[in-house]
Amino acid sequence: MTEEEFETLDQLYFVTSYEELQKSLLLNEFDLRKTIMGMYKKGWVKCFNLDHELINMTDKQIEENFQSLSFLATKAGLMAHNQR
């Protein structure tokens, strides 16, 4: 787990908007998106639009809607975070 993944997962114990993540983490937009996409592919985060979980989104759909999405760590993500 990278330091960026660890710090991002630390913010995702509750549903957190992309905007909130950007404000609380010291990552530029490119690195934050890259980190979230990597964790999404590992199954460590879920994506939400308003209060509804978005299931089976393609990478392209996520990237097109990043700024309107919220994120939450999955059980697998929390376990990886806590094992570090």
C-alpha atoms as a PDB file:
ATOM      1  CA  MET A   1       0.000   0.000   0.000  1.00  0.00           C
ATOM      2  CA  THR A   2       1.362   3.377  -0.971  1.00  0.00           C
ATOM      3  CA  GLU A   3       1.418   6.350   1.359  1.00  0.00           C
ATOM      4  CA  GLU A   4      -1.171   8.068  -0.867  1.00  0.00           C
ATOM      5  CA  GLU A   5      -3.504   5.061  -0.635  1.00  0.00           C
ATOM      6  CA  PHE A   6      -3.070   4.905   3.140  1.00  0.00           C
ATOM      7  CA  GLU A   7      -3.818   8.621   3.599  1.00  0.00           C
ATOM      8  CA  THR A   8      -6.817   8.471   1.251  1.00  0.00           C
ATOM      9  CA  LEU A   9      -8.307   5.385   2.931  1.00  0.00           C
ATOM     10  CA  ASP A  10      -7.848   7.160   6.249  1.00  0.00           C
ATOM     11  CA  GLN A  11     -10.395   9.720   4.995  1.00  0.00           C
ATOM     12  CA  LEU A  12     -12.878   7.133   3.708  1.00  0.00           C
ATOM     13  CA  TYR A  13     -14.275   5.529   6.854  1.00  0.00           C
ATOM     14  CA  PHE A  14     -17.434   7.496   6.013  1.00  0.00           C
ATOM     15  CA  VAL A  15     -18.809   8.529   2.631  1.00  0.00           C
ATOM     16  CA  THR A  16     -16.668  11.458   1.510  1.00  0.00           C
ATOM     17  CA  SER A  17     -17.080  13.616  -1.575  1.00  0.00           C
ATOM     18  CA  TYR A  18     -14.297  14.093  -4.075  1.00  0.00           C
ATOM     19  CA  GLU A  19     -14.265  17.792  -3.184  1.00  0.00           C
ATOM     20  CA  GLU A  20     -13.800  17.027   0.520  1.00  0.00           C
ATOM     21  CA  LEU A  21     -10.973  14.599  -0.270  1.00  0.00           C
ATOM     22  CA  GLN A  22      -9.247  17.177  -2.409  1.00  0.00           C
ATOM     23  CA  LYS A  23      -9.416  19.726   0.426  1.00  0.00           C
ATOM     24  CA  SER A  24      -8.195  17.367   3.138  1.00  0.00           C
ATOM     25  CA  LEU A  25      -5.374  15.593   1.274  1.00  0.00           C
ATOM     26  CA  LEU A  26      -2.184  17.160   0.028  1.00  0.00           C
ATOM     27  CA  LEU A  27      -2.473  15.540  -3.397  1.00  0.00           C
ATOM     28  CA  ASN A  28      -2.843  17.307  -6.706  1.00  0.00           C
ATOM     29  CA  GLU A  29      -5.869  16.411  -8.809  1.00  0.00           C
ATOM     30  CA  PHE A  30      -3.965  13.993 -11.067  1.00  0.00           C
ATOM     31  CA  ASP A  31      -2.464  12.045  -8.138  1.00  0.00           C
ATOM     32  CA  LEU A  32      -5.770  11.928  -6.239  1.00  0.00           C
ATOM     33  CA  ARG A  33      -7.623  10.562  -9.260  1.00  0.00           C
ATOM     34  CA  LYS A  34      -4.853   8.041  -9.925  1.00  0.00           C
ATOM     35  CA  THR A  35      -4.932   6.915  -6.287  1.00  0.00           C
ATOM     36  CA  ILE A  36      -8.715   6.545  -6.190  1.00  0.00           C
ATOM     37  CA  MET A  37      -8.801   4.672  -9.504  1.00  0.00           C
ATOM     38  CA  GLY A  38      -6.101   2.293  -8.306  1.00  0.00           C
ATOM     39  CA  MET A  39      -7.990   1.601  -5.096  1.00  0.00           C
ATOM     40  CA  TYR A  40     -11.261   1.162  -6.998  1.00  0.00           C
ATOM     41  CA  LYS A  41      -9.614  -1.458  -9.220  1.00  0.00           C
ATOM     42  CA  LYS A  42      -8.304  -3.256  -6.107  1.00  0.00           C
ATOM     43  CA  GLY A  43     -11.819  -3.262  -4.623  1.00  0.00           C
ATOM     44  CA  TRP A  44     -10.797  -0.961  -1.771  1.00  0.00           C
ATOM     45  CA  VAL A  45     -13.339   1.815  -2.432  1.00  0.00           C
ATOM     46  CA  LYS A  46     -16.946   2.148  -3.546  1.00  0.00           C
ATOM     47  CA  CYS A  47     -18.305   5.045  -5.599  1.00  0.00           C
ATOM     48  CA  PHE A  48     -21.508   6.911  -4.800  1.00  0.00           C
ATOM     49  CA  ASN A  49     -23.621   9.452  -6.623  1.00  0.00           C
ATOM     50  CA  LEU A  50     -25.700  11.310  -4.075  1.00  0.00           C
ATOM     51  CA  ASP A  51     -26.574   8.503  -1.641  1.00  0.00           C
ATOM     52  CA  HIS A  52     -26.690   5.639  -4.142  1.00  0.00           C
ATOM     53  CA  GLU A  53     -23.840   3.196  -4.646  1.00  0.00           C
ATOM     54  CA  LEU A  54     -22.771   2.968  -8.249  1.00  0.00           C
ATOM     55  CA  ILE A  55     -22.052  -0.627  -9.131  1.00  0.00           C
ATOM     56  CA  ASN A  56     -20.036  -1.865 -12.113  1.00  0.00           C
ATOM     57  CA  MET A  57     -18.977   1.551 -13.331  1.00  0.00           C
ATOM     58  CA  THR A  58     -16.345   1.590 -16.025  1.00  0.00           C
ATOM     59  CA  ASP A  59     -13.114   3.460 -15.482  1.00  0.00           C
ATOM     60  CA  LYS A  60     -14.225   5.959 -18.112  1.00  0.00           C
ATOM     61  CA  GLN A  61     -17.543   6.606 -16.344  1.00  0.00           C
ATOM     62  CA  ILE A  62     -15.767   7.226 -13.058  1.00  0.00           C
ATOM     63  CA  GLU A  63     -13.206   9.541 -14.611  1.00  0.00           C
ATOM     64  CA  GLU A  64     -15.923  11.509 -16.417  1.00  0.00           C
ATOM     65  CA  ASN A  65     -17.845  12.026 -13.173  1.00  0.00           C
ATOM     66  CA  PHE A  66     -15.084  12.280 -10.548  1.00  0.00           C
ATOM     67  CA  GLN A  67     -16.046  15.696  -9.237  1.00  0.00           C
ATOM     68  CA  SER A  68     -19.659  14.688  -8.596  1.00  0.00           C
ATOM     69  CA  LEU A  69     -18.831  11.376  -6.880  1.00  0.00           C
ATOM     70  CA  SER A  70     -18.344  10.405  -3.267  1.00  0.00           C
ATOM     71  CA  PHE A  71     -16.257   7.499  -2.032  1.00  0.00           C
ATOM     72  CA  LEU A  72     -16.237   5.010   0.827  1.00  0.00           C
ATOM     73  CA  ALA A  73     -13.672   2.407   1.849  1.00  0.00           C
ATOM     74  CA  THR A  74     -14.826  -1.186   1.440  1.00  0.00           C
ATOM     75  CA  LYS A  75     -14.243  -3.895   4.018  1.00  0.00           C
ATOM     76  CA  ALA A  76     -11.232  -5.064   1.977  1.00  0.00           C
ATOM     77  CA  GLY A  77      -9.899  -1.503   1.884  1.00  0.00           C
ATOM     78  CA  LEU A  78     -10.302  -1.046   5.637  1.00  0.00           C
ATOM     79  CA  MET A  79      -8.596  -4.358   6.309  1.00  0.00           C
ATOM     80  CA  ALA A  80      -5.660  -3.413   4.080  1.00  0.00           C
ATOM     81  CA  HIS A  81      -5.493   0.007   5.764  1.00  0.00           C
ATOM     82  CA  ASN A  82      -5.513  -1.475   9.265  1.00  0.00           C
ATOM     83  CA  GLN A  83      -2.894  -4.134   8.468  1.00  0.00           C
ATOM     84  CA  ARG A  84      -0.301  -1.536   7.636  1.00  0.00           C
END
